[in-house]
Amino acid sequence: MEFTGTWHIYEMSNWDEEYFNMEVQAYIEIDEQGNGEFQFGLVHGYIDGDIIKDGNNKKLEFTWDGNDECDEASGNGWLKLKDENELEGEIEFHYADSSTLLAKRA
């Protein structure tokens, strides 16, 4: 599965690098089934994803559950490959913020 692996987030539209790398190098990790986890800033979540056809391309659409500064948080998002070593996507919090992101294969 082309999304499998660890991806380092290097850009987010809603947060700057100082925030999203504050505790660890911001990342998204995806397994062969489209599940995984992510962390940026003080947000950590577990991903439950599915591959969806998007025209001629594939997209990993997911929901997530986790925490934001120790408070429960959840949301959804999507990831799409720009090429084999770079992806773009969006992560949304239910009833709150959302941000686009860019990430490179670790």
PDB file of N, CA and C in Angstrom:
ATOM      1  N   MET A   1       0.850  -1.175   0.000  1.00  0.00           N
ATOM      2  CA  MET A   1       0.000   0.000   0.000  1.00  0.00           C
ATOM      3  C   MET A   1       0.900   1.243   0.000  1.00  0.00           C
ATOM      4  N   GLU A   2       0.645   2.134  -0.932  1.00  0.00           N
ATOM      5  CA  GLU A   2       1.552   3.263  -1.158  1.00  0.00           C
ATOM      6  C   GLU A   2       1.628   4.282  -0.018  1.00  0.00           C
ATOM      7  N   PHE A   3       0.662   4.285   0.895  1.00  0.00           N
ATOM      8  CA  PHE A   3       0.688   5.225   2.017  1.00  0.00           C
ATOM      9  C   PHE A   3       1.458   4.682   3.226  1.00  0.00           C
ATOM     10  N   THR A   4       1.813   3.391   3.180  1.00  0.00           N
ATOM     11  CA  THR A   4       2.468   2.748   4.317  1.00  0.00           C
ATOM     12  C   THR A   4       3.798   3.406   4.637  1.00  0.00           C
ATOM     13  N   GLY A   5       4.042   3.624   5.927  1.00  0.00           N
ATOM     14  CA  GLY A   5       5.321   4.161   6.372  1.00  0.00           C
ATOM     15  C   GLY A   5       5.148   5.316   7.330  1.00  0.00           C
ATOM     16  N   THR A   6       6.274   5.911   7.652  1.00  0.00           N
ATOM     17  CA  THR A   6       6.299   7.092   8.512  1.00  0.00           C
ATOM     18  C   THR A   6       6.576   8.307   7.649  1.00  0.00           C
ATOM     19  N   TRP A   7       5.795   9.339   7.867  1.00  0.00           N
ATOM     20  CA  TRP A   7       5.879  10.583   7.104  1.00  0.00           C
ATOM     21  C   TRP A   7       6.132  11.731   8.073  1.00  0.00           C
ATOM     22  N   HIS A   8       7.130  12.570   7.779  1.00  0.00           N
ATOM     23  CA  HIS A   8       7.412  13.744   8.611  1.00  0.00           C
ATOM     24  C   HIS A   8       6.661  14.952   8.063  1.00  0.00           C
ATOM     25  N   ILE A   9       5.839  15.529   8.911  1.00  0.00           N
ATOM     26  CA  ILE A   9       5.093  16.739   8.524  1.00  0.00           C
ATOM     27  C   ILE A   9       6.069  17.912   8.503  1.00  0.00           C
ATOM     28  N   TYR A  10       6.094  18.648   7.395  1.00  0.00           N
ATOM     29  CA  TYR A  10       6.993  19.800   7.309  1.00  0.00           C
ATOM     30  C   TYR A  10       6.260  21.121   7.092  1.00  0.00           C
ATOM     31  N   GLU A  11       4.960  21.064   6.879  1.00  0.00           N
ATOM     32  CA  GLU A  11       4.200  22.309   6.728  1.00  0.00           C
ATOM     33  C   GLU A  11       2.748  22.058   7.103  1.00  0.00           C
ATOM     34  N   MET A  12       2.177  23.021   7.843  1.00  0.00           N
ATOM     35  CA  MET A  12       0.754  22.991   8.186  1.00  0.00           C
ATOM     36  C   MET A  12       0.214  24.397   8.010  1.00  0.00           C
ATOM     37  N   SER A  13      -0.990  24.520   7.458  1.00  0.00           N
ATOM     38  CA  SER A  13      -1.550  25.841   7.179  1.00  0.00           C
ATOM     39  C   SER A  13      -2.004  26.572   8.434  1.00  0.00           C
ATOM     40  N   ASN A  14      -2.372  25.842   9.482  1.00  0.00           N
ATOM     41  CA  ASN A  14      -2.943  26.484  10.667  1.00  0.00           C
ATOM     42  C   ASN A  14      -1.953  26.637  11.818  1.00  0.00           C
ATOM     43  N   TRP A  15      -0.825  25.937  11.769  1.00  0.00           N
ATOM     44  CA  TRP A  15       0.161  26.013  12.847  1.00  0.00           C
ATOM     45  C   TRP A  15       1.553  26.129  12.258  1.00  0.00           C
ATOM     46  N   ASP A  16       2.443  26.838  12.964  1.00  0.00           N
ATOM     47  CA  ASP A  16       3.806  26.993  12.478  1.00  0.00           C
ATOM     48  C   ASP A  16       4.698  25.861  12.984  1.00  0.00           C
ATOM     49  N   GLU A  17       5.893  25.769  12.399  1.00  0.00           N
ATOM     50  CA  GLU A  17       6.830  24.688  12.710  1.00  0.00           C
ATOM     51  C   GLU A  17       7.219  24.665  14.190  1.00  0.00           C
ATOM     52  N   GLU A  18       7.328  25.822  14.799  1.00  0.00           N
ATOM     53  CA  GLU A  18       7.662  25.871  16.227  1.00  0.00           C
ATOM     54  C   GLU A  18       6.623  25.111  17.053  1.00  0.00           C
ATOM     55  N   TYR A  19       5.344  25.258  16.690  1.00  0.00           N
ATOM     56  CA  TYR A  19       4.306  24.524  17.412  1.00  0.00           C
ATOM     57  C   TYR A  19       4.276  23.056  17.001  1.00  0.00           C
ATOM     58  N   PHE A  20       4.169  22.759  15.690  1.00  0.00           N
ATOM     59  CA  PHE A  20       3.922  21.362  15.326  1.00  0.00           C
ATOM     60  C   PHE A  20       5.099  20.438  15.610  1.00  0.00           C
ATOM     61  N   ASN A  21       6.311  20.963  15.810  1.00  0.00           N
ATOM     62  CA  ASN A  21       7.456  20.127  16.193  1.00  0.00           C
ATOM     63  C   ASN A  21       7.850  20.313  17.662  1.00  0.00           C
ATOM     64  N   MET A  22       6.978  20.868  18.495  1.00  0.00           N
ATOM     65  CA  MET A  22       7.370  21.240  19.859  1.00  0.00           C
ATOM     66  C   MET A  22       7.771  20.057  20.741  1.00  0.00           C
ATOM     67  N   GLU A  23       7.105  18.910  20.647  1.00  0.00           N
ATOM     68  CA  GLU A  23       7.453  17.757  21.491  1.00  0.00           C
ATOM     69  C   GLU A  23       8.280  16.722  20.744  1.00  0.00           C
ATOM     70  N   VAL A  24       7.914  16.438  19.509  1.00  0.00           N
ATOM     71  CA  VAL A  24       8.620  15.488  18.646  1.00  0.00           C
ATOM     72  C   VAL A  24       8.566  16.018  17.224  1.00  0.00           C
ATOM     73  N   GLN A  25       9.382  15.436  16.349  1.00  0.00           N
ATOM     74  CA  GLN A  25       9.246  15.722  14.920  1.00  0.00           C
ATOM     75  C   GLN A  25       7.828  15.305  14.535  1.00  0.00           C
ATOM     76  N   ALA A  26       7.029  16.239  14.056  1.00  0.00           N
ATOM     77  CA  ALA A  26       5.637  15.943  13.686  1.00  0.00           C
ATOM     78  C   ALA A  26       5.610  14.824  12.652  1.00  0.00           C
ATOM     79  N   TYR A  27       4.690  13.871  12.836  1.00  0.00           N
ATOM     80  CA  TYR A  27       4.670  12.713  11.951  1.00  0.00           C
ATOM     81  C   TYR A  27       3.261  12.151  11.769  1.00  0.00           C
ATOM     82  N   ILE A  28       3.151  11.349  10.725  1.00  0.00           N
ATOM     83  CA  ILE A  28       1.990  10.489  10.487  1.00  0.00           C
ATOM     84  C   ILE A  28       2.573   9.122  10.156  1.00  0.00           C
ATOM     85  N   GLU A  29       2.061   8.088  10.791  1.00  0.00           N
ATOM     86  CA  GLU A  29       2.516   6.728  10.542  1.00  0.00           C
ATOM     87  C   GLU A  29       1.322   5.893  10.096  1.00  0.00           C
ATOM     88  N   ILE A  30       1.445   5.235   8.948  1.00  0.00           N
ATOM     89  CA  ILE A  30       0.347   4.464   8.369  1.00  0.00           C
ATOM     90  C   ILE A  30       0.805   3.021   8.164  1.00  0.00           C
ATOM     91  N   ASP A  31      -0.045   2.054   8.555  1.00  0.00           N
ATOM     92  CA  ASP A  31       0.283   0.644   8.341  1.00  0.00           C
ATOM     93  C   ASP A  31      -0.370   0.128   7.056  1.00  0.00           C
ATOM     94  N   GLU A  32      -0.157  -1.140   6.759  1.00  0.00           N
ATOM     95  CA  GLU A  32      -0.664  -1.755   5.519  1.00  0.00           C
ATOM     96  C   GLU A  32      -2.185  -1.727   5.392  1.00  0.00           C
ATOM     97  N   GLN A  33      -2.904  -1.649   6.518  1.00  0.00           N
ATOM     98  CA  GLN A  33      -4.364  -1.643   6.480  1.00  0.00           C
ATOM     99  C   GLN A  33      -4.952  -0.228   6.405  1.00  0.00           C
ATOM    100  N   GLY A  34      -4.096   0.794   6.406  1.00  0.00           N
ATOM    101  CA  GLY A  34      -4.583   2.168   6.358  1.00  0.00           C
ATOM    102  C   GLY A  34      -4.849   2.761   7.724  1.00  0.00           C
ATOM    103  N   ASN A  35      -4.386   2.084   8.774  1.00  0.00           N
ATOM    104  CA  ASN A  35      -4.526   2.585  10.144  1.00  0.00           C
ATOM    105  C   ASN A  35      -3.178   3.129  10.607  1.00  0.00           C
ATOM    106  N   GLY A  36      -3.169   3.831  11.716  1.00  0.00           N
ATOM    107  CA  GLY A  36      -1.902   4.347  12.208  1.00  0.00           C
ATOM    108  C   GLY A  36      -2.078   5.359  13.308  1.00  0.00           C
ATOM    109  N   GLU A  37      -1.119   6.263  13.387  1.00  0.00           N
ATOM    110  CA  GLU A  37      -1.164   7.314  14.395  1.00  0.00           C
ATOM    111  C   GLU A  37      -0.424   8.537  13.893  1.00  0.00           C
ATOM    112  N   PHE A  38      -0.615   9.649  14.591  1.00  0.00           N
ATOM    113  CA  PHE A  38       0.075  10.890  14.244  1.00  0.00           C
ATOM    114  C   PHE A  38       0.313  11.694  15.513  1.00  0.00           C
ATOM    115  N   GLN A  39       1.257  12.611  15.424  1.00  0.00           N
ATOM    116  CA  GLN A  39       1.453  13.601  16.475  1.00  0.00           C
ATOM    117  C   GLN A  39       1.989  14.871  15.847  1.00  0.00           C
ATOM    118  N   PHE A  40       1.409  15.974  16.255  1.00  0.00           N
ATOM    119  CA  PHE A  40       1.954  17.295  15.964  1.00  0.00           C
ATOM    120  C   PHE A  40       1.622  18.171  17.157  1.00  0.00           C
ATOM    121  N   GLY A  41       2.574  19.006  17.551  1.00  0.00           N
ATOM    122  CA  GLY A  41       2.373  19.845  18.735  1.00  0.00           C
ATOM    123  C   GLY A  41       1.965  18.997  19.919  1.00  0.00           C
ATOM    124  N   LEU A  42       0.890  19.372  20.573  1.00  0.00           N
ATOM    125  CA  LEU A  42       0.384  18.642  21.737  1.00  0.00           C
ATOM    126  C   LEU A  42      -0.811  17.774  21.378  1.00  0.00           C
ATOM    127  N   VAL A  43      -0.926  17.429  20.088  1.00  0.00           N
ATOM    128  CA  VAL A  43      -2.031  16.618  19.583  1.00  0.00           C
ATOM    129  C   VAL A  43      -1.497  15.236  19.180  1.00  0.00           C
ATOM    130  N   HIS A  44      -2.151  14.194  19.673  1.00  0.00           N
ATOM    131  CA  HIS A  44      -1.797  12.824  19.308  1.00  0.00           C
ATOM    132  C   HIS A  44      -3.087  12.086  18.996  1.00  0.00           C
ATOM    133  N   GLY A  45      -3.075  11.289  17.917  1.00  0.00           N
ATOM    134  CA  GLY A  45      -4.283  10.568  17.555  1.00  0.00           C
ATOM    135  C   GLY A  45      -4.005   9.253  16.869  1.00  0.00           C
ATOM    136  N   TYR A  46      -5.010   8.376  16.913  1.00  0.00           N
ATOM    137  CA  TYR A  46      -4.983   7.081  16.236  1.00  0.00           C
ATOM    138  C   TYR A  46      -5.919   7.138  15.041  1.00  0.00           C
ATOM    139  N   ILE A  47      -5.414   6.692  13.895  1.00  0.00           N
ATOM    140  CA  ILE A  47      -6.096   6.790  12.611  1.00  0.00           C
ATOM    141  C   ILE A  47      -6.773   5.475  12.252  1.00  0.00           C
ATOM    142  N   ASP A  48      -8.005   5.583  11.738  1.00  0.00           N
ATOM    143  CA  ASP A  48      -8.735   4.461  11.162  1.00  0.00           C
ATOM    144  C   ASP A  48      -9.077   4.872   9.737  1.00  0.00           C
ATOM    145  N   GLY A  49      -8.338   4.334   8.741  1.00  0.00           N
ATOM    146  CA  GLY A  49      -8.476   4.832   7.385  1.00  0.00           C
ATOM    147  C   GLY A  49      -8.935   3.825   6.362  1.00  0.00           C
ATOM    148  N   ASP A  50      -9.395   4.348   5.232  1.00  0.00           N
ATOM    149  CA  ASP A  50      -9.817   3.557   4.073  1.00  0.00           C
ATOM    150  C   ASP A  50      -9.310   4.230   2.805  1.00  0.00           C
ATOM    151  N   ILE A  51      -8.889   3.405   1.840  1.00  0.00           N
ATOM    152  CA  ILE A  51      -8.480   3.920   0.538  1.00  0.00           C
ATOM    153  C   ILE A  51      -9.731   4.166  -0.303  1.00  0.00           C
ATOM    154  N   ILE A  52      -9.832   5.366  -0.869  1.00  0.00           N
ATOM    155  CA  ILE A  52     -10.967   5.781  -1.685  1.00  0.00           C
ATOM    156  C   ILE A  52     -10.442   6.204  -3.054  1.00  0.00           C
ATOM    157  N   LYS A  53     -11.133   5.828  -4.124  1.00  0.00           N
ATOM    158  CA  LYS A  53     -10.786   6.307  -5.459  1.00  0.00           C
ATOM    159  C   LYS A  53     -11.182   7.768  -5.573  1.00  0.00           C
ATOM    160  N   ASP A  54     -10.265   8.584  -6.086  1.00  0.00           N
ATOM    161  CA  ASP A  54     -10.496  10.010  -6.287  1.00  0.00           C
ATOM    162  C   ASP A  54     -10.111  10.324  -7.729  1.00  0.00           C
ATOM    163  N   GLY A  55     -11.032  10.096  -8.654  1.00  0.00           N
ATOM    164  CA  GLY A  55     -10.702  10.231 -10.076  1.00  0.00           C
ATOM    165  C   GLY A  55      -9.734   9.125 -10.454  1.00  0.00           C
ATOM    166  N   ASN A  56      -8.575   9.504 -10.997  1.00  0.00           N
ATOM    167  CA  ASN A  56      -7.537   8.532 -11.352  1.00  0.00           C
ATOM    168  C   ASN A  56      -6.594   8.246 -10.198  1.00  0.00           C
ATOM    169  N   ASN A  57      -6.760   8.938  -9.096  1.00  0.00           N
ATOM    170  CA  ASN A  57      -5.864   8.805  -7.952  1.00  0.00           C
ATOM    171  C   ASN A  57      -6.556   8.091  -6.794  1.00  0.00           C
ATOM    172  N   LYS A  58      -5.765   7.790  -5.771  1.00  0.00           N
ATOM    173  CA  LYS A  58      -6.298   7.213  -4.542  1.00  0.00           C
ATOM    174  C   LYS A  58      -6.096   8.205  -3.411  1.00  0.00           C
ATOM    175  N   LYS A  59      -6.990   8.150  -2.459  1.00  0.00           N
ATOM    176  CA  LYS A  59      -6.927   9.017  -1.295  1.00  0.00           C
ATOM    177  C   LYS A  59      -7.152   8.135  -0.070  1.00  0.00           C
ATOM    178  N   LEU A  60      -6.410   8.394   0.990  1.00  0.00           N
ATOM    179  CA  LEU A  60      -6.649   7.723   2.262  1.00  0.00           C
ATOM    180  C   LEU A  60      -7.524   8.658   3.089  1.00  0.00           C
ATOM    181  N   GLU A  61      -8.784   8.272   3.271  1.00  0.00           N
ATOM    182  CA  GLU A  61      -9.689   9.057   4.117  1.00  0.00           C
ATOM    183  C   GLU A  61      -9.730   8.374   5.473  1.00  0.00           C
ATOM    184  N   PHE A  62      -9.748   9.175   6.545  1.00  0.00           N
ATOM    185  CA  PHE A  62      -9.681   8.588   7.878  1.00  0.00           C
ATOM    186  C   PHE A  62     -10.475   9.375   8.901  1.00  0.00           C
ATOM    187  N   THR A  63     -10.814   8.685   9.969  1.00  0.00           N
ATOM    188  CA  THR A  63     -11.291   9.318  11.194  1.00  0.00           C
ATOM    189  C   THR A  63     -10.182   9.105  12.217  1.00  0.00           C
ATOM    190  N   TRP A  64     -10.190   9.897  13.263  1.00  0.00           N
ATOM    191  CA  TRP A  64      -9.173   9.734  14.293  1.00  0.00           C
ATOM    192  C   TRP A  64      -9.753  10.058  15.666  1.00  0.00           C
ATOM    193  N   ASP A  65      -9.160   9.430  16.670  1.00  0.00           N
ATOM    194  CA  ASP A  65      -9.460   9.694  18.078  1.00  0.00           C
ATOM    195  C   ASP A  65      -8.138   9.874  18.795  1.00  0.00           C
ATOM    196  N   GLY A  66      -8.121  10.769  19.760  1.00  0.00           N
ATOM    197  CA  GLY A  66      -6.888  10.984  20.505  1.00  0.00           C
ATOM    198  C   GLY A  66      -7.072  12.065  21.537  1.00  0.00           C
ATOM    199  N   ASN A  67      -6.030  12.908  21.658  1.00  0.00           N
ATOM    200  CA  ASN A  67      -6.086  13.982  22.646  1.00  0.00           C
ATOM    201  C   ASN A  67      -5.355  15.219  22.144  1.00  0.00           C
ATOM    202  N   ASP A  68      -5.741  16.325  22.732  1.00  0.00           N
ATOM    203  CA  ASP A  68      -5.141  17.631  22.467  1.00  0.00           C
ATOM    204  C   ASP A  68      -4.891  18.254  23.826  1.00  0.00           C
ATOM    205  N   GLU A  69      -3.622  18.340  24.215  1.00  0.00           N
ATOM    206  CA  GLU A  69      -3.259  18.831  25.545  1.00  0.00           C
ATOM    207  C   GLU A  69      -4.004  18.069  26.645  1.00  0.00           C
ATOM    208  N   CYS A  70      -4.048  16.749  26.521  1.00  0.00           N
ATOM    209  CA  CYS A  70      -4.667  15.829  27.490  1.00  0.00           C
ATOM    210  C   CYS A  70      -6.192  15.863  27.488  1.00  0.00           C
ATOM    211  N   ASP A  71      -6.820  16.688  26.665  1.00  0.00           N
ATOM    212  CA  ASP A  71      -8.277  16.663  26.515  1.00  0.00           C
ATOM    213  C   ASP A  71      -8.620  15.749  25.344  1.00  0.00           C
ATOM    214  N   GLU A  72      -9.714  14.988  25.479  1.00  0.00           N
ATOM    215  CA  GLU A  72     -10.138  14.119  24.383  1.00  0.00           C
ATOM    216  C   GLU A  72     -10.387  14.949  23.130  1.00  0.00           C
ATOM    217  N   ALA A  73      -9.988  14.389  21.994  1.00  0.00           N
ATOM    218  CA  ALA A  73     -10.190  15.060  20.709  1.00  0.00           C
ATOM    219  C   ALA A  73     -10.434  13.995  19.650  1.00  0.00           C
ATOM    220  N   SER A  74     -11.116  14.382  18.584  1.00  0.00           N
ATOM    221  CA  SER A  74     -11.361  13.468  17.478  1.00  0.00           C
ATOM    222  C   SER A  74     -11.631  14.290  16.230  1.00  0.00           C
ATOM    223  N   GLY A  75     -11.652  13.600  15.105  1.00  0.00           N
ATOM    224  CA  GLY A  75     -11.909  14.306  13.860  1.00  0.00           C
ATOM    225  C   GLY A  75     -11.789  13.380  12.674  1.00  0.00           C
ATOM    226  N   ASN A  76     -11.465  13.992  11.533  1.00  0.00           N
ATOM    227  CA  ASN A  76     -11.301  13.231  10.303  1.00  0.00           C
ATOM    228  C   ASN A  76     -10.254  13.916   9.447  1.00  0.00           C
ATOM    229  N   GLY A  77      -9.973  13.299   8.310  1.00  0.00           N
ATOM    230  CA  GLY A  77      -9.004  13.892   7.408  1.00  0.00           C
ATOM    231  C   GLY A  77      -8.799  13.043   6.183  1.00  0.00           C
ATOM    232  N   TRP A  78      -7.845  13.443   5.382  1.00  0.00           N
ATOM    233  CA  TRP A  78      -7.496  12.715   4.174  1.00  0.00           C
ATOM    234  C   TRP A  78      -6.037  12.950   3.841  1.00  0.00           C
ATOM    235  N   LEU A  79      -5.463  12.006   3.105  1.00  0.00           N
ATOM    236  CA  LEU A  79      -4.091  12.099   2.616  1.00  0.00           C
ATOM    237  C   LEU A  79      -4.076  11.673   1.156  1.00  0.00           C
ATOM    238  N   LYS A  80      -3.277  12.344   0.350  1.00  0.00           N
ATOM    239  CA  LYS A  80      -3.134  12.017  -1.059  1.00  0.00           C
ATOM    240  C   LYS A  80      -1.658  12.138  -1.424  1.00  0.00           C
ATOM    241  N   LEU A  81      -1.139  11.184  -2.191  1.00  0.00           N
ATOM    242  CA  LEU A  81       0.260  11.236  -2.616  1.00  0.00           C
ATOM    243  C   LEU A  81       0.467  12.307  -3.676  1.00  0.00           C
ATOM    244  N   LYS A  82       1.507  13.136  -3.479  1.00  0.00           N
ATOM    245  CA  LYS A  82       1.941  14.054  -4.536  1.00  0.00           C
ATOM    246  C   LYS A  82       2.915  13.319  -5.445  1.00  0.00           C
ATOM    247  N   ASP A  83       3.775  12.503  -4.845  1.00  0.00           N
ATOM    248  CA  ASP A  83       4.653  11.559  -5.533  1.00  0.00           C
ATOM    249  C   ASP A  83       4.984  10.475  -4.521  1.00  0.00           C
ATOM    250  N   GLU A  84       5.876   9.554  -4.841  1.00  0.00           N
ATOM    251  CA  GLU A  84       6.094   8.415  -3.943  1.00  0.00           C
ATOM    252  C   GLU A  84       6.696   8.798  -2.595  1.00  0.00           C
ATOM    253  N   ASN A  85       7.283   9.990  -2.486  1.00  0.00           N
ATOM    254  CA  ASN A  85       7.923  10.409  -1.235  1.00  0.00           C
ATOM    255  C   ASN A  85       7.323  11.652  -0.600  1.00  0.00           C
ATOM    256  N   GLU A  86       6.191  12.110  -1.097  1.00  0.00           N
ATOM    257  CA  GLU A  86       5.566  13.307  -0.538  1.00  0.00           C
ATOM    258  C   GLU A  86       4.058  13.176  -0.605  1.00  0.00           C
ATOM    259  N   LEU A  87       3.420  13.616   0.459  1.00  0.00           N
ATOM    260  CA  LEU A  87       1.961  13.608   0.457  1.00  0.00           C
ATOM    261  C   LEU A  87       1.428  14.931   0.949  1.00  0.00           C
ATOM    262  N   GLU A  88       0.167  15.167   0.603  1.00  0.00           N
ATOM    263  CA  GLU A  88      -0.563  16.333   1.077  1.00  0.00           C
ATOM    264  C   GLU A  88      -1.838  15.828   1.717  1.00  0.00           C
ATOM    265  N   GLY A  89      -2.417  16.633   2.558  1.00  0.00           N
ATOM    266  CA  GLY A  89      -3.653  16.207   3.191  1.00  0.00           C
ATOM    267  C   GLY A  89      -4.271  17.300   4.028  1.00  0.00           C
ATOM    268  N   GLU A  90      -5.244  16.875   4.810  1.00  0.00           N
ATOM    269  CA  GLU A  90      -5.939  17.790   5.711  1.00  0.00           C
ATOM    270  C   GLU A  90      -6.354  17.000   6.938  1.00  0.00           C
ATOM    271  N   ILE A  91      -6.254  17.645   8.084  1.00  0.00           N
ATOM    272  CA  ILE A  91      -6.717  17.054   9.332  1.00  0.00           C
ATOM    273  C   ILE A  91      -7.695  18.029   9.967  1.00  0.00           C
ATOM    274  N   GLU A  92      -8.827  17.493  10.419  1.00  0.00           N
ATOM    275  CA  GLU A  92      -9.878  18.316  11.012  1.00  0.00           C
ATOM    276  C   GLU A  92     -10.222  17.802  12.399  1.00  0.00           C
ATOM    277  N   PHE A  93     -10.481  18.731  13.292  1.00  0.00           N
ATOM    278  CA  PHE A  93     -11.004  18.422  14.618  1.00  0.00           C
ATOM    279  C   PHE A  93     -12.519  18.586  14.542  1.00  0.00           C
ATOM    280  N   HIS A  94     -13.272  17.665  15.141  1.00  0.00           N
ATOM    281  CA  HIS A  94     -14.724  17.828  15.171  1.00  0.00           C
ATOM    282  C   HIS A  94     -15.065  19.121  15.909  1.00  0.00           C
ATOM    283  N   TYR A  95     -15.863  19.971  15.272  1.00  0.00           N
ATOM    284  CA  TYR A  95     -16.350  21.230  15.829  1.00  0.00           C
ATOM    285  C   TYR A  95     -15.233  22.212  16.181  1.00  0.00           C
ATOM    286  N   ALA A  96     -14.092  22.131  15.481  1.00  0.00           N
ATOM    287  CA  ALA A  96     -12.981  23.026  15.819  1.00  0.00           C
ATOM    288  C   ALA A  96     -12.109  23.262  14.586  1.00  0.00           C
ATOM    289  N   ASP A  97     -10.810  23.397  14.803  1.00  0.00           N
ATOM    290  CA  ASP A  97      -9.850  23.759  13.767  1.00  0.00           C
ATOM    291  C   ASP A  97      -9.666  22.679  12.711  1.00  0.00           C
ATOM    292  N   SER A  98      -9.103  23.112  11.589  1.00  0.00           N
ATOM    293  CA  SER A  98      -8.638  22.200  10.560  1.00  0.00           C
ATOM    294  C   SER A  98      -7.373  22.800   9.967  1.00  0.00           C
ATOM    295  N   SER A  99      -6.554  21.933   9.357  1.00  0.00           N
ATOM    296  CA  SER A  99      -5.312  22.404   8.741  1.00  0.00           C
ATOM    297  C   SER A  99      -4.931  21.493   7.593  1.00  0.00           C
ATOM    298  N   THR A 100      -4.470  22.097   6.496  1.00  0.00           N
ATOM    299  CA  THR A 100      -3.840  21.303   5.453  1.00  0.00           C
ATOM    300  C   THR A 100      -2.430  20.993   5.929  1.00  0.00           C
ATOM    301  N   LEU A 101      -1.821  19.989   5.307  1.00  0.00           N
ATOM    302  CA  LEU A 101      -0.457  19.617   5.677  1.00  0.00           C
ATOM    303  C   LEU A 101       0.290  19.059   4.496  1.00  0.00           C
ATOM    304  N   LEU A 102       1.606  19.142   4.584  1.00  0.00           N
ATOM    305  CA  LEU A 102       2.514  18.518   3.628  1.00  0.00           C
ATOM    306  C   LEU A 102       3.478  17.669   4.444  1.00  0.00           C
ATOM    307  N   ALA A 103       3.816  16.472   3.922  1.00  0.00           N
ATOM    308  CA  ALA A 103       4.722  15.575   4.644  1.00  0.00           C
ATOM    309  C   ALA A 103       5.607  14.832   3.651  1.00  0.00           C
ATOM    310  N   LYS A 104       6.821  14.483   4.118  1.00  0.00           N
ATOM    311  CA  LYS A 104       7.771  13.712   3.317  1.00  0.00           C
ATOM    312  C   LYS A 104       8.014  12.382   3.988  1.00  0.00           C
ATOM    313  N   ARG A 105       8.249  11.359   3.166  1.00  0.00           N
ATOM    314  CA  ARG A 105       8.542  10.030   3.677  1.00  0.00           C
ATOM    315  C   ARG A 105       9.814  10.073   4.526  1.00  0.00           C
ATOM    316  N   ALA A 106       9.766   9.476   5.700  1.00  0.00           N
ATOM    317  CA  ALA A 106      10.922   9.465   6.611  1.00  0.00           C
ATOM    318  C   ALA A 106      11.993   8.519   6.096  1.00  0.00           C
TER     319      ALA A 106
END
